[in-house]
Amino acid sequence: MKNDVNDAAPAPRPGKKPRFAHRLEFGLTRSLEAAVSSLPEGAADDFGAGLGRMAYRLKLRRDVVESNLRLAYPAADPAWIHATARASYEHLGREAAAMLRLARLDRQAVIDRTDVTGDWPKLEAALAGGKGVLLVTGHYGNWELAAAAVAARGIPIAAIVRRQGNPLFDARLTATRERLGVQTISQREAPSRVPRFLRQNGVVGIVGDQDARGAGIFVPFFGRPASTHRGPAVFSLRFGAPAFACVARRLPGPGVRYRVSGQQVDVPRTGRLDDDVEALTAALAARLEAEIREAPEQYFWFHRRWKSKPPVEGQTPLPAAPDE
């Protein structure tokens, strides 16, 4: 279903005035959105995959993608690395097209495209406890759709988000999320707003797999120590909110459909917060890794996941340089 109300230009957040380059970028994005939305869904899917193949041929961050794949799969032969890298570009293009179309669709469209599996009854039971729930995901499948699928089924959810550099695009993305029932909490607001939302028995969605630099803790990810945000585990342990590892994996075959699955992740609680945070963070990372191994081409290998290095014993870790 079309949503003409959403065609109105978004108002950028206060204090962030768009520049000419922002307006130009936003105009191009809206034109692409209109073009993709006018296509049949299968054609839009093919168009997005074609854009991904073009980016692959142009070698946009291809060195990062292939380097990450070699780190994650050290025994893989070069042919597999190249084929998986190419497939990851195609997947990213398809999901970009899917999100552009989603900006003009409604909640029923989300329900029609998603199958909810896994520990969904446990999620509902966890909410009955009245302490809220943490849904922790990664840049895998379609992480935006994972939150939208929960909201579309009548469960209040807020996603912790990173603000976009283009304020017009940021406002558009925020409006799309909120229209689909997903509230947004900026990373800066998270320490104050997340506890309030959990106390209201809401679900908080967190994408927790980017390099956390010096502020993170190092846990295994594909057999290598990766600096990982401790926030999901801290919120879960301090406020008693059960933690679920959740992903929305695209299903093979015709049509655009996703399997949205969540698995409750429990760890023994020793009463030593730092140890328990590390254990839960490691368990969540292990669950995400297991999902990625099922369909590695659906992971966002474009981010330098292992950029930060573990500190030498007795030394304070230096912050990693910003990702390029």
Protein backbone atom coordinates (compact mmCIF):
# COMPACT_ATOMS: atom_id res chain seq x y z
CA MET A 1 0.00 0.00 0.00
CA LYS A 2 1.21 3.47 -0.82
CA ASN A 3 1.47 6.12 1.85
CA ASP A 4 1.20 9.54 0.28
CA VAL A 5 1.52 11.36 3.60
CA ASN A 6 5.08 10.15 3.82
CA ASP A 7 5.92 12.02 0.61
CA ALA A 8 6.12 15.30 2.51
CA ALA A 9 9.65 16.65 3.01
CA PRO A 10 10.87 15.83 6.54
CA ALA A 11 11.82 18.51 9.04
CA PRO A 12 15.45 18.08 10.15
CA ARG A 13 16.15 17.82 13.85
CA PRO A 14 16.73 21.13 15.67
CA GLY A 15 20.24 22.50 15.57
CA LYS A 16 21.25 20.70 12.37
CA LYS A 17 20.78 22.91 9.34
CA PRO A 18 21.02 21.15 5.97
CA ARG A 19 23.63 22.37 3.52
CA PHE A 20 23.28 22.48 -0.26
CA ALA A 21 25.13 19.17 -0.57
CA HIS A 22 22.67 17.62 1.88
CA ARG A 23 19.70 18.84 -0.18
CA LEU A 24 21.25 17.55 -3.38
CA GLU A 25 21.99 14.15 -1.84
CA PHE A 26 18.50 13.96 -0.38
CA GLY A 27 16.89 14.88 -3.69
CA LEU A 28 18.79 12.14 -5.49
CA THR A 29 17.80 9.63 -2.81
CA ARG A 30 14.14 10.58 -3.08
CA SER A 31 14.28 10.28 -6.87
CA LEU A 32 15.81 6.82 -6.53
CA GLU A 33 13.16 5.90 -3.96
CA ALA A 34 10.37 6.97 -6.32
CA ALA A 35 11.89 5.01 -9.20
CA VAL A 36 12.40 1.83 -7.16
CA SER A 37 8.92 2.07 -5.63
CA SER A 38 7.34 2.30 -9.07
CA LEU A 39 8.86 -1.04 -10.12
CA PRO A 40 7.35 -4.46 -9.40
CA GLU A 41 9.02 -5.87 -6.30
CA GLY A 42 10.99 -8.49 -8.24
CA ALA A 43 12.28 -5.89 -10.67
CA ALA A 44 13.27 -3.59 -7.79
CA ASP A 45 15.13 -6.52 -6.23
CA ASP A 46 17.03 -7.15 -9.46
CA PHE A 47 17.78 -3.45 -9.82
CA GLY A 48 19.27 -3.32 -6.31
CA ALA A 49 21.39 -6.42 -6.96
CA GLY A 50 22.64 -4.78 -10.16
CA LEU A 51 23.71 -1.70 -8.24
CA GLY A 52 25.55 -3.96 -5.82
CA ARG A 53 27.39 -5.72 -8.65
CA MET A 54 28.37 -2.32 -10.05
CA ALA A 55 29.81 -1.28 -6.68
CA TYR A 56 31.71 -4.57 -6.56
CA ARG A 57 33.21 -4.00 -10.01
CA LEU A 58 34.16 -0.45 -9.03
CA LYS A 59 35.96 -1.97 -6.01
CA LEU A 60 34.20 0.30 -3.49
CA ARG A 61 35.62 -0.95 -0.14
CA ARG A 62 36.27 -4.32 -1.76
CA ASP A 63 39.63 -4.56 -0.06
CA VAL A 64 37.89 -4.22 3.33
CA VAL A 65 35.22 -6.80 2.47
CA GLU A 66 37.67 -9.41 1.22
CA SER A 67 40.10 -8.77 4.06
CA ASN A 68 37.33 -9.29 6.62
CA LEU A 69 36.22 -12.51 4.92
CA ARG A 70 39.78 -13.84 4.99
CA LEU A 71 40.01 -13.03 8.70
CA ALA A 72 36.68 -14.72 9.44
CA TYR A 73 37.29 -17.73 7.17
CA PRO A 74 41.07 -18.26 7.11
CA ALA A 75 40.77 -21.72 5.53
CA ALA A 76 38.57 -20.55 2.64
CA ASP A 77 40.02 -20.60 -0.86
CA PRO A 78 40.28 -17.36 -2.89
CA ALA A 79 37.43 -18.35 -5.22
CA TRP A 80 35.03 -18.63 -2.26
CA ILE A 81 36.22 -15.31 -0.85
CA HIS A 82 35.61 -13.52 -4.16
CA ALA A 83 32.23 -15.18 -4.73
CA THR A 84 31.02 -14.39 -1.20
CA ALA A 85 32.26 -10.81 -1.46
CA ARG A 86 30.37 -10.33 -4.71
CA ALA A 87 27.24 -11.89 -3.20
CA SER A 88 27.48 -9.55 -0.20
CA TYR A 89 27.43 -6.53 -2.54
CA GLU A 90 24.38 -7.92 -4.32
CA HIS A 91 22.66 -8.53 -0.99
CA LEU A 92 23.39 -4.99 0.20
CA GLY A 93 21.95 -3.61 -3.03
CA ARG A 94 18.80 -5.69 -2.66
CA GLU A 95 18.29 -4.58 0.93
CA ALA A 96 18.85 -0.95 -0.01
CA ALA A 97 16.10 -1.29 -2.62
CA ALA A 98 13.88 -3.08 -0.08
CA MET A 99 14.30 -0.23 2.41
CA LEU A 100 13.55 2.40 -0.23
CA ARG A 101 10.31 0.57 -1.00
CA LEU A 102 9.54 0.11 2.68
CA ALA A 103 9.53 3.90 3.12
CA ARG A 104 6.29 3.92 1.10
CA LEU A 105 4.67 0.81 2.55
CA ASP A 106 2.70 0.16 5.74
CA ARG A 107 2.83 -2.21 8.70
CA GLN A 108 0.79 -4.87 6.93
CA ALA A 109 3.45 -4.95 4.22
CA VAL A 110 6.01 -5.74 6.93
CA ILE A 111 3.87 -8.58 8.29
CA ASP A 112 3.37 -9.96 4.77
CA ARG A 113 7.14 -10.09 4.25
CA THR A 114 8.21 -11.60 7.56
CA ASP A 115 7.87 -14.97 9.25
CA VAL A 116 8.43 -14.85 13.01
CA THR A 117 10.15 -17.95 14.42
CA GLY A 118 12.42 -18.97 17.25
CA ASP A 119 11.72 -17.94 20.82
CA TRP A 120 8.78 -15.63 20.05
CA PRO A 121 6.63 -17.24 22.80
CA LYS A 122 9.54 -16.69 25.20
CA LEU A 123 9.67 -13.04 24.15
CA GLU A 124 6.00 -12.64 25.01
CA ALA A 125 6.55 -14.47 28.30
CA ALA A 126 9.54 -12.26 29.07
CA LEU A 127 7.41 -9.15 28.59
CA ALA A 128 4.94 -10.59 31.07
CA GLY A 129 7.72 -10.14 33.64
CA GLY A 130 7.30 -6.38 33.32
CA LYS A 131 10.99 -5.47 33.00
CA GLY A 132 11.18 -5.01 29.25
CA VAL A 133 13.36 -6.91 26.78
CA LEU A 134 16.65 -6.26 24.96
CA LEU A 135 16.74 -7.38 21.33
CA VAL A 136 20.36 -7.43 20.19
CA THR A 137 21.09 -7.80 16.51
CA GLY A 138 23.90 -7.09 14.05
CA HIS A 139 24.39 -5.77 10.55
CA TYR A 140 23.04 -8.94 9.04
CA GLY A 141 20.08 -9.69 6.79
CA ASN A 142 17.87 -6.63 7.16
CA TRP A 143 18.31 -5.21 10.65
CA GLU A 144 15.82 -2.38 10.06
CA LEU A 145 13.12 -4.88 9.17
CA ALA A 146 13.80 -6.88 12.32
CA ALA A 147 12.60 -3.98 14.49
CA ALA A 148 9.72 -3.17 12.15
CA ALA A 149 8.53 -6.80 12.30
CA VAL A 150 8.28 -6.61 16.10
CA ALA A 151 6.42 -3.27 15.99
CA ALA A 152 4.04 -4.48 13.28
CA ARG A 153 2.90 -7.25 15.63
CA GLY A 154 1.84 -4.76 18.28
CA ILE A 155 4.87 -4.83 20.60
CA PRO A 156 6.27 -1.41 21.60
CA ILE A 157 9.89 -1.15 20.48
CA ALA A 158 12.51 1.58 20.45
CA ALA A 159 15.74 1.28 18.47
CA ILE A 160 19.02 2.84 19.51
CA VAL A 161 20.29 4.61 16.40
CA ARG A 162 23.27 6.58 15.20
CA ARG A 163 22.30 9.93 13.73
CA GLN A 164 23.02 10.33 10.01
CA GLY A 165 25.30 13.10 8.79
CA ASN A 166 22.69 14.40 6.37
CA PRO A 167 19.92 15.88 8.55
CA LEU A 168 17.28 15.55 5.81
CA PHE A 169 18.05 11.88 5.29
CA ASP A 170 18.17 11.39 9.06
CA ALA A 171 14.71 12.95 9.45
CA ARG A 172 13.32 10.83 6.60
CA LEU A 173 14.70 7.63 8.10
CA THR A 174 13.39 8.55 11.55
CA ALA A 175 9.94 9.31 10.12
CA THR A 176 9.87 5.96 8.28
CA ARG A 177 10.85 4.06 11.41
CA GLU A 178 8.29 5.84 13.57
CA ARG A 179 5.51 5.43 11.01
CA LEU A 180 6.15 1.69 11.15
CA GLY A 181 5.92 1.80 14.93
CA VAL A 182 9.62 1.89 15.80
CA GLN A 183 10.57 4.68 18.18
CA THR A 184 14.15 5.95 18.01
CA ILE A 185 16.68 6.68 20.73
CA SER A 186 19.94 8.34 19.74
CA GLN A 187 23.14 6.88 21.13
CA ARG A 188 23.67 10.05 23.15
CA GLU A 189 20.23 9.73 24.75
CA ALA A 190 20.49 6.00 25.45
CA PRO A 191 21.82 6.15 29.05
CA SER A 192 18.75 8.09 30.20
CA ARG A 193 16.00 6.94 27.84
CA VAL A 194 16.67 3.19 27.68
CA PRO A 195 16.08 2.62 31.42
CA ARG A 196 12.80 4.57 31.22
CA PHE A 197 11.64 2.55 28.21
CA LEU A 198 12.50 -0.75 29.88
CA ARG A 199 10.61 0.30 33.01
CA GLN A 200 7.60 0.90 30.75
CA ASN A 201 7.99 -2.79 29.70
CA GLY A 202 9.08 -1.93 26.18
CA VAL A 203 11.49 -3.70 23.86
CA VAL A 204 14.78 -1.99 23.08
CA GLY A 205 16.54 -2.95 19.84
CA ILE A 206 20.30 -2.53 19.59
CA VAL A 207 22.63 -3.19 16.66
CA GLY A 208 25.69 -4.15 18.65
CA ASP A 209 28.35 -5.48 16.29
CA GLN A 210 30.41 -2.46 15.24
CA ASP A 211 33.95 -1.89 16.46
CA ALA A 212 33.66 -0.18 19.86
CA ARG A 213 37.27 1.07 19.88
CA GLY A 214 38.75 1.73 23.32
CA ALA A 215 35.35 1.85 25.02
CA GLY A 216 34.51 -1.77 24.20
CA ILE A 217 35.42 -5.12 25.64
CA PHE A 218 37.17 -7.75 23.58
CA VAL A 219 35.22 -10.95 23.01
CA PRO A 220 35.70 -13.66 20.37
CA PHE A 221 34.06 -13.11 16.99
CA PHE A 222 34.96 -15.69 14.34
CA GLY A 223 37.81 -16.78 16.59
CA ARG A 224 39.36 -13.31 16.82
CA PRO A 225 39.08 -10.76 19.65
CA ALA A 226 36.76 -7.95 18.59
CA SER A 227 36.11 -4.73 20.51
CA THR A 228 32.39 -4.94 21.26
CA HIS A 229 29.91 -2.54 22.83
CA ARG A 230 29.04 -3.53 26.38
CA GLY A 231 25.83 -1.49 26.50
CA PRO A 232 23.37 -4.30 25.65
CA ALA A 233 24.72 -6.54 28.41
CA VAL A 234 24.91 -3.68 30.93
CA PHE A 235 21.29 -2.68 30.33
CA SER A 236 20.14 -6.30 30.55
CA LEU A 237 21.99 -7.09 33.76
CA ARG A 238 21.38 -3.83 35.60
CA PHE A 239 17.67 -3.64 34.87
CA GLY A 240 16.80 -7.34 34.77
CA ALA A 241 15.60 -7.19 31.17
CA PRO A 242 16.02 -10.53 29.34
CA ALA A 243 18.35 -10.38 26.34
CA PHE A 244 17.45 -11.96 23.01
CA ALA A 245 19.71 -12.34 19.96
CA CYS A 246 17.54 -11.41 16.99
CA VAL A 247 18.06 -11.34 13.21
CA ALA A 248 15.96 -10.92 10.08
CA ARG A 249 17.49 -13.19 7.43
CA ARG A 250 16.30 -12.94 3.84
CA LEU A 251 14.85 -16.23 2.61
CA PRO A 252 15.89 -17.73 -0.73
CA GLY A 253 13.52 -18.12 -3.62
CA PRO A 254 11.09 -15.81 -5.40
CA GLY A 255 9.60 -12.85 -3.60
CA VAL A 256 11.02 -10.73 -0.80
CA ARG A 257 10.57 -12.53 2.50
CA TYR A 258 12.49 -12.74 5.76
CA ARG A 259 12.73 -15.11 8.68
CA VAL A 260 12.76 -13.07 11.87
CA SER A 261 14.15 -15.18 14.67
CA GLY A 262 15.10 -14.46 18.23
CA GLN A 263 16.80 -16.63 20.80
CA GLN A 264 16.96 -15.82 24.48
CA VAL A 265 20.56 -15.68 25.69
CA ASP A 266 21.12 -16.53 29.33
CA VAL A 267 24.41 -16.58 31.22
CA PRO A 268 25.15 -17.51 34.82
CA ARG A 269 25.07 -14.45 37.08
CA THR A 270 27.98 -14.36 39.46
CA GLY A 271 27.19 -10.99 41.02
CA ARG A 272 30.42 -9.56 39.59
CA LEU A 273 29.05 -7.10 37.04
CA ASP A 274 32.16 -6.82 34.87
CA ASP A 275 32.49 -10.59 34.56
CA ASP A 276 28.79 -11.04 33.82
CA VAL A 277 28.82 -8.25 31.22
CA GLU A 278 31.73 -9.91 29.45
CA ALA A 279 30.06 -13.31 29.52
CA LEU A 280 26.75 -12.02 28.13
CA THR A 281 28.51 -9.90 25.49
CA ALA A 282 30.48 -12.94 24.35
CA ALA A 283 27.35 -15.10 24.25
CA LEU A 284 25.50 -12.54 22.12
CA ALA A 285 28.46 -12.29 19.74
CA ALA A 286 28.61 -16.07 19.45
CA ARG A 287 24.90 -16.22 18.61
CA LEU A 288 25.31 -13.62 15.86
CA GLU A 289 28.32 -15.49 14.47
CA ALA A 290 26.30 -18.70 14.28
CA GLU A 291 23.61 -16.89 12.26
CA ILE A 292 26.16 -15.34 9.92
CA ARG A 293 27.70 -18.73 9.19
CA GLU A 294 24.30 -19.83 7.86
CA ALA A 295 24.39 -17.15 5.15
CA PRO A 296 27.70 -15.22 5.23
CA GLU A 297 26.82 -13.16 2.15
CA GLN A 298 24.10 -11.42 4.20
CA TYR A 299 26.56 -9.89 6.66
CA PHE A 300 27.84 -6.32 6.37
CA TRP A 301 31.52 -7.06 5.80
CA PHE A 302 32.13 -3.44 4.77
CA HIS A 303 32.91 -2.34 8.34
CA ARG A 304 36.39 -2.88 9.81
CA ARG A 305 35.15 -5.16 12.57
CA TRP A 306 38.58 -6.07 13.95
CA LYS A 307 40.17 -2.65 13.57
CA SER A 308 40.80 -2.16 17.30
CA LYS A 309 43.50 -4.38 18.76
CA PRO A 310 43.45 -5.89 22.25
CA PRO A 311 45.69 -4.01 24.68
CA VAL A 312 48.97 -5.44 25.78
CA GLU A 313 48.64 -6.62 29.37
CA GLY A 314 49.17 -3.73 31.75
CA GLN A 315 48.60 -1.06 29.10
CA THR A 316 45.53 1.09 28.43
CA PRO A 317 44.12 0.50 24.93
CA LEU A 318 44.46 3.35 22.47
CA PRO A 319 41.28 4.41 20.62
CA ALA A 320 41.16 3.25 17.02
CA ALA A 321 41.11 5.85 14.26
CA PRO A 322 37.67 6.61 12.81
CA ASP A 323 36.56 4.10 10.21
CA GLU A 324 37.09 5.37 6.70
